[in-house]
């Protein structure tokens, strides 16, 4: 009988955590499961070599 209470409690905790994460996602704090993955084309398109170019220093 104690096993059933433990399993029920574990399920309740997981469901409550999922609802909390969905609420946080609605408010924009986390990406949980409803928004899906971002497409790679939306990532920054700065070329790596442009980060290492020397810029002229102004004095």
PDB file of N, CA and C in Angstrom:
ATOM      1  N   UNK A   1       0.814  -1.196   0.000  1.00  0.00           N
ATOM      2  CA  UNK A   1       0.000   0.000   0.000  1.00  0.00           C
ATOM      3  C   UNK A   1       0.860   1.263   0.000  1.00  0.00           C
ATOM      4  N   UNK A   2       1.959   1.222   0.723  1.00  0.00           N
ATOM      5  CA  UNK A   2       2.860   2.370   0.757  1.00  0.00           C
ATOM      6  C   UNK A   2       3.484   2.643  -0.597  1.00  0.00           C
ATOM      7  N   UNK A   3       3.674   1.578  -1.382  1.00  0.00           N
ATOM      8  CA  UNK A   3       4.244   1.733  -2.719  1.00  0.00           C
ATOM      9  C   UNK A   3       3.316   2.557  -3.610  1.00  0.00           C
ATOM     10  N   UNK A   4       2.022   2.328  -3.497  1.00  0.00           N
ATOM     11  CA  UNK A   4       1.061   3.080  -4.307  1.00  0.00           C
ATOM     12  C   UNK A   4       1.050   4.558  -3.934  1.00  0.00           C
ATOM     13  N   UNK A   5       1.161   4.845  -2.632  1.00  0.00           N
ATOM     14  CA  UNK A   5       1.224   6.241  -2.204  1.00  0.00           C
ATOM     15  C   UNK A   5       2.501   6.907  -2.715  1.00  0.00           C
ATOM     16  N   UNK A   6       3.605   6.179  -2.688  1.00  0.00           N
ATOM     17  CA  UNK A   6       4.870   6.733  -3.169  1.00  0.00           C
ATOM     18  C   UNK A   6       4.803   7.004  -4.667  1.00  0.00           C
ATOM     19  N   UNK A   7       4.243   6.078  -5.433  1.00  0.00           N
ATOM     20  CA  UNK A   7       4.110   6.281  -6.880  1.00  0.00           C
ATOM     21  C   UNK A   7       3.161   7.440  -7.183  1.00  0.00           C
ATOM     22  N   UNK A   8       2.065   7.520  -6.455  1.00  0.00           N
ATOM     23  CA  UNK A   8       1.124   8.626  -6.649  1.00  0.00           C
ATOM     24  C   UNK A   8       1.757   9.966  -6.324  1.00  0.00           C
ATOM     25  N   UNK A   9       2.541   9.993  -5.258  1.00  0.00           N
ATOM     26  CA  UNK A   9       3.233  11.222  -4.880  1.00  0.00           C
ATOM     27  C   UNK A   9       4.258  11.612  -5.943  1.00  0.00           C
ATOM     28  N   UNK A  10       4.996  10.633  -6.467  1.00  0.00           N
ATOM     29  CA  UNK A  10       5.998  10.915  -7.500  1.00  0.00           C
ATOM     30  C   UNK A  10       5.334  11.459  -8.763  1.00  0.00           C
ATOM     31  N   UNK A  11       4.214  10.884  -9.158  1.00  0.00           N
ATOM     32  CA  UNK A  11       3.493  11.363 -10.340  1.00  0.00           C
ATOM     33  C   UNK A  11       2.987  12.784 -10.104  1.00  0.00           C
ATOM     34  N   UNK A  12       2.471  13.050  -8.915  1.00  0.00           N
ATOM     35  CA  UNK A  12       1.973  14.391  -8.602  1.00  0.00           C
ATOM     36  C   UNK A  12       3.094  15.422  -8.648  1.00  0.00           C
ATOM     37  N   UNK A  13       4.274  15.064  -8.177  1.00  0.00           N
ATOM     38  CA  UNK A  13       5.410  15.991  -8.199  1.00  0.00           C
ATOM     39  C   UNK A  13       5.840  16.274  -9.636  1.00  0.00           C
ATOM     40  N   UNK A  14       5.895  15.246 -10.467  1.00  0.00           N
ATOM     41  CA  UNK A  14       6.305  15.433 -11.865  1.00  0.00           C
ATOM     42  C   UNK A  14       5.286  16.295 -12.611  1.00  0.00           C
ATOM     43  N   UNK A  15       4.008  16.046 -12.398  1.00  0.00           N
ATOM     44  CA  UNK A  15       2.965  16.837 -13.066  1.00  0.00           C
ATOM     45  C   UNK A  15       3.015  18.287 -12.591  1.00  0.00           C
ATOM     46  N   UNK A  16       3.207  18.497 -11.294  1.00  0.00           N
ATOM     47  CA  UNK A  16       3.290  19.862 -10.768  1.00  0.00           C
ATOM     48  C   UNK A  16       4.509  20.592 -11.329  1.00  0.00           C
ATOM     49  N   UNK A  17       5.637  19.898 -11.441  1.00  0.00           N
ATOM     50  CA  UNK A  17       6.836  20.523 -12.009  1.00  0.00           C
ATOM     51  C   UNK A  17       6.615  20.876 -13.478  1.00  0.00           C
ATOM     52  N   UNK A  18       5.934  20.001 -14.209  1.00  0.00           N
ATOM     53  CA  UNK A  18       5.645  20.273 -15.616  1.00  0.00           C
ATOM     54  C   UNK A  18       4.742  21.491 -15.752  1.00  0.00           C
ATOM     55  N   UNK A  19       3.711  21.583 -14.919  1.00  0.00           N
ATOM     56  CA  UNK A  19       2.819  22.744 -14.971  1.00  0.00           C
ATOM     57  C   UNK A  19       3.561  24.027 -14.618  1.00  0.00           C
ATOM     58  N   UNK A  20       4.461  23.952 -13.642  1.00  0.00           N
ATOM     59  CA  UNK A  20       5.256  25.122 -13.273  1.00  0.00           C
ATOM     60  C   UNK A  20       6.135  25.568 -14.432  1.00  0.00           C
ATOM     61  N   UNK A  21       6.778  24.619 -15.108  1.00  0.00           N
ATOM     62  CA  UNK A  21       7.639  24.967 -16.237  1.00  0.00           C
ATOM     63  C   UNK A  21       6.825  25.539 -17.402  1.00  0.00           C
ATOM     64  N   UNK A  22       5.620  25.014 -17.634  1.00  0.00           N
ATOM     65  CA  UNK A  22       4.770  25.577 -18.684  1.00  0.00           C
ATOM     66  C   UNK A  22       4.343  26.997 -18.345  1.00  0.00           C
ATOM     67  N   UNK A  23       4.072  27.267 -17.084  1.00  0.00           N
ATOM     68  CA  UNK A  23       3.716  28.619 -16.652  1.00  0.00           C
ATOM     69  C   UNK A  23       4.891  29.568 -16.844  1.00  0.00           C
ATOM     70  N   UNK A  24       6.093  29.105 -16.481  1.00  0.00           N
ATOM     71  CA  UNK A  24       7.286  29.933 -16.671  1.00  0.00           C
ATOM     72  C   UNK A  24       7.552  30.177 -18.151  1.00  0.00           C
ATOM     73  N   UNK A  25       7.261  29.177 -18.990  1.00  0.00           N
ATOM     74  CA  UNK A  25       7.448  29.360 -20.430  1.00  0.00           C
ATOM     75  C   UNK A  25       6.465  30.396 -20.973  1.00  0.00           C
ATOM     76  N   UNK A  26       5.236  30.369 -20.511  1.00  0.00           N
ATOM     77  CA  UNK A  26       4.249  31.358 -20.950  1.00  0.00           C
ATOM     78  C   UNK A  26       4.687  32.766 -20.594  1.00  0.00           C
ATOM     79  N   UNK A  27       5.368  32.922 -19.487  1.00  0.00           N
ATOM     80  CA  UNK A  27       5.847  34.237 -19.065  1.00  0.00           C
ATOM     81  C   UNK A  27       7.167  34.610 -19.736  1.00  0.00           C
ATOM     82  N   UNK A  28       7.772  33.681 -20.503  1.00  0.00           N
ATOM     83  CA  UNK A  28       8.974  33.988 -21.260  1.00  0.00           C
ATOM     84  C   UNK A  28      10.279  33.735 -20.536  1.00  0.00           C
ATOM     85  N   UNK A  29      10.238  33.017 -19.413  1.00  0.00           N
ATOM     86  CA  UNK A  29      11.460  32.794 -18.646  1.00  0.00           C
ATOM     87  C   UNK A  29      12.271  31.594 -19.134  1.00  0.00           C
ATOM     88  N   UNK A  30      11.602  30.556 -19.631  1.00  0.00           N
ATOM     89  CA  UNK A  30      12.289  29.340 -20.081  1.00  0.00           C
ATOM     90  C   UNK A  30      11.631  28.836 -21.359  1.00  0.00           C
ATOM     91  N   UNK A  31      12.348  28.015 -22.088  1.00  0.00           N
ATOM     92  CA  UNK A  31      11.769  27.277 -23.210  1.00  0.00           C
ATOM     93  C   UNK A  31      11.589  25.845 -22.742  1.00  0.00           C
ATOM     94  N   UNK A  32      10.353  25.398 -22.593  1.00  0.00           N
ATOM     95  CA  UNK A  32      10.118  24.088 -22.014  1.00  0.00           C
ATOM     96  C   UNK A  32       9.730  23.088 -23.082  1.00  0.00           C
ATOM     97  N   UNK A  33       8.507  23.115 -23.606  1.00  0.00           N
ATOM     98  CA  UNK A  33       8.130  22.123 -24.603  1.00  0.00           C
ATOM     99  C   UNK A  33       7.140  22.613 -25.633  1.00  0.00           C
ATOM    100  N   UNK A  34       6.552  23.753 -25.461  1.00  0.00           N
ATOM    101  CA  UNK A  34       5.518  24.190 -26.398  1.00  0.00           C
ATOM    102  C   UNK A  34       6.059  24.983 -27.573  1.00  0.00           C
ATOM    103  N   UNK A  35       7.193  25.576 -27.441  1.00  0.00           N
ATOM    104  CA  UNK A  35       7.700  26.446 -28.508  1.00  0.00           C
ATOM    105  C   UNK A  35       8.500  25.698 -29.552  1.00  0.00           C
ATOM    106  N   UNK A  36       9.024  24.562 -29.236  1.00  0.00           N
ATOM    107  CA  UNK A  36       9.841  23.837 -30.185  1.00  0.00           C
ATOM    108  C   UNK A  36      11.234  24.422 -30.278  1.00  0.00           C
ATOM    109  N   UNK A  37      11.999  23.885 -31.179  1.00  0.00           N
ATOM    110  CA  UNK A  37      13.379  24.327 -31.346  1.00  0.00           C
ATOM    111  C   UNK A  37      13.436  25.512 -32.288  1.00  0.00           C
ATOM    112  N   UNK A  38      14.422  26.348 -32.066  1.00  0.00           N
ATOM    113  CA  UNK A  38      14.641  27.470 -32.975  1.00  0.00           C
ATOM    114  C   UNK A  38      15.338  26.945 -34.223  1.00  0.00           C
ATOM    115  N   UNK A  39      15.015  27.544 -35.349  1.00  0.00           N
ATOM    116  CA  UNK A  39      15.688  27.131 -36.573  1.00  0.00           C
ATOM    117  C   UNK A  39      17.113  27.676 -36.573  1.00  0.00           C
ATOM    118  N   UNK A  40      17.999  26.974 -37.210  1.00  0.00           N
ATOM    119  CA  UNK A  40      19.394  27.393 -37.234  1.00  0.00           C
ATOM    120  C   UNK A  40      19.591  28.671 -38.037  1.00  0.00           C
ATOM    121  N   UNK A  41      18.678  28.965 -38.946  1.00  0.00           N
ATOM    122  CA  UNK A  41      18.813  30.192 -39.729  1.00  0.00           C
ATOM    123  C   UNK A  41      18.566  31.431 -38.871  1.00  0.00           C
ATOM    124  N   UNK A  42      17.955  31.262 -37.705  1.00  0.00           N
ATOM    125  CA  UNK A  42      17.704  32.398 -36.820  1.00  0.00           C
ATOM    126  C   UNK A  42      18.907  32.706 -35.939  1.00  0.00           C
ATOM    127  N   UNK A  43      19.920  31.863 -35.998  1.00  0.00           N
ATOM    128  CA  UNK A  43      21.102  32.093 -35.166  1.00  0.00           C
ATOM    129  C   UNK A  43      21.934  33.233 -35.748  1.00  0.00           C
ATOM    130  N   UNK A  44      22.791  33.833 -34.955  1.00  0.00           N
ATOM    131  CA  UNK A  44      23.613  34.939 -35.461  1.00  0.00           C
ATOM    132  C   UNK A  44      24.451  34.508 -36.661  1.00  0.00           C
ATOM    133  N   UNK A  45      24.582  35.407 -37.610  1.00  0.00           N
ATOM    134  CA  UNK A  45      25.285  35.058 -38.844  1.00  0.00           C
ATOM    135  C   UNK A  45      26.645  35.738 -38.938  1.00  0.00           C
ATOM    136  N   UNK A  46      27.227  36.093 -37.813  1.00  0.00           N
ATOM    137  CA  UNK A  46      28.541  36.728 -37.816  1.00  0.00           C
ATOM    138  C   UNK A  46      29.583  35.661 -38.122  1.00  0.00           C
ATOM    139  N   UNK A  47      30.430  35.957 -39.059  1.00  0.00           N
ATOM    140  CA  UNK A  47      31.472  34.988 -39.392  1.00  0.00           C
ATOM    141  C   UNK A  47      32.533  34.996 -38.319  1.00  0.00           C
ATOM    142  N   UNK A  48      33.102  33.842 -38.057  1.00  0.00           N
ATOM    143  CA  UNK A  48      34.080  33.712 -36.989  1.00  0.00           C
ATOM    144  C   UNK A  48      35.328  34.530 -37.268  1.00  0.00           C
ATOM    145  N   UNK A  49      35.766  34.576 -38.519  1.00  0.00           N
ATOM    146  CA  UNK A  49      36.990  35.326 -38.812  1.00  0.00           C
ATOM    147  C   UNK A  49      36.801  36.832 -38.617  1.00  0.00           C
ATOM    148  N   UNK A  50      35.574  37.322 -38.735  1.00  0.00           N
ATOM    149  CA  UNK A  50      35.364  38.753 -38.508  1.00  0.00           C
ATOM    150  C   UNK A  50      35.529  39.114 -37.032  1.00  0.00           C
ATOM    151  N   UNK A  51      35.396  38.151 -36.161  1.00  0.00           N
ATOM    152  CA  UNK A  51      35.598  38.415 -34.738  1.00  0.00           C
ATOM    153  C   UNK A  51      37.071  38.596 -34.404  1.00  0.00           C
ATOM    154  N   UNK A  52      37.940  37.990 -35.215  1.00  0.00           N
ATOM    155  CA  UNK A  52      39.368  38.035 -34.931  1.00  0.00           C
ATOM    156  C   UNK A  52      40.124  39.073 -35.746  1.00  0.00           C
ATOM    157  N   UNK A  53      39.442  39.800 -36.607  1.00  0.00           N
ATOM    158  CA  UNK A  53      40.111  40.838 -37.389  1.00  0.00           C
ATOM    159  C   UNK A  53      40.531  41.982 -36.483  1.00  0.00           C
ATOM    160  N   UNK A  54      41.668  42.554 -36.790  1.00  0.00           N
ATOM    161  CA  UNK A  54      42.122  43.698 -36.008  1.00  0.00           C
ATOM    162  C   UNK A  54      41.419  44.945 -36.508  1.00  0.00           C
ATOM    163  N   UNK A  55      40.886  45.694 -35.595  1.00  0.00           N
ATOM    164  CA  UNK A  55      40.241  46.946 -35.972  1.00  0.00           C
ATOM    165  C   UNK A  55      41.229  48.079 -35.748  1.00  0.00           C
ATOM    166  N   UNK A  56      41.153  49.121 -36.562  1.00  0.00           N
ATOM    167  CA  UNK A  56      42.068  50.255 -36.369  1.00  0.00           C
ATOM    168  C   UNK A  56      41.783  50.932 -35.029  1.00  0.00           C
ATOM    169  N   UNK A  57      42.839  51.181 -34.303  1.00  0.00           N
ATOM    170  CA  UNK A  57      42.682  51.811 -32.991  1.00  0.00           C
ATOM    171  C   UNK A  57      42.689  53.320 -33.156  1.00  0.00           C
ATOM    172  N   UNK A  58      41.753  53.955 -32.545  1.00  0.00           N
ATOM    173  CA  UNK A  58      41.721  55.423 -32.601  1.00  0.00           C
ATOM    174  C   UNK A  58      42.333  55.975 -31.323  1.00  0.00           C
ATOM    175  N   UNK A  59      43.184  56.985 -31.487  1.00  0.00           N
ATOM    176  CA  UNK A  59      43.855  57.565 -30.316  1.00  0.00           C
ATOM    177  C   UNK A  59      43.389  58.941 -30.061  1.00  0.00           C
TER     178      UNK A  59
END
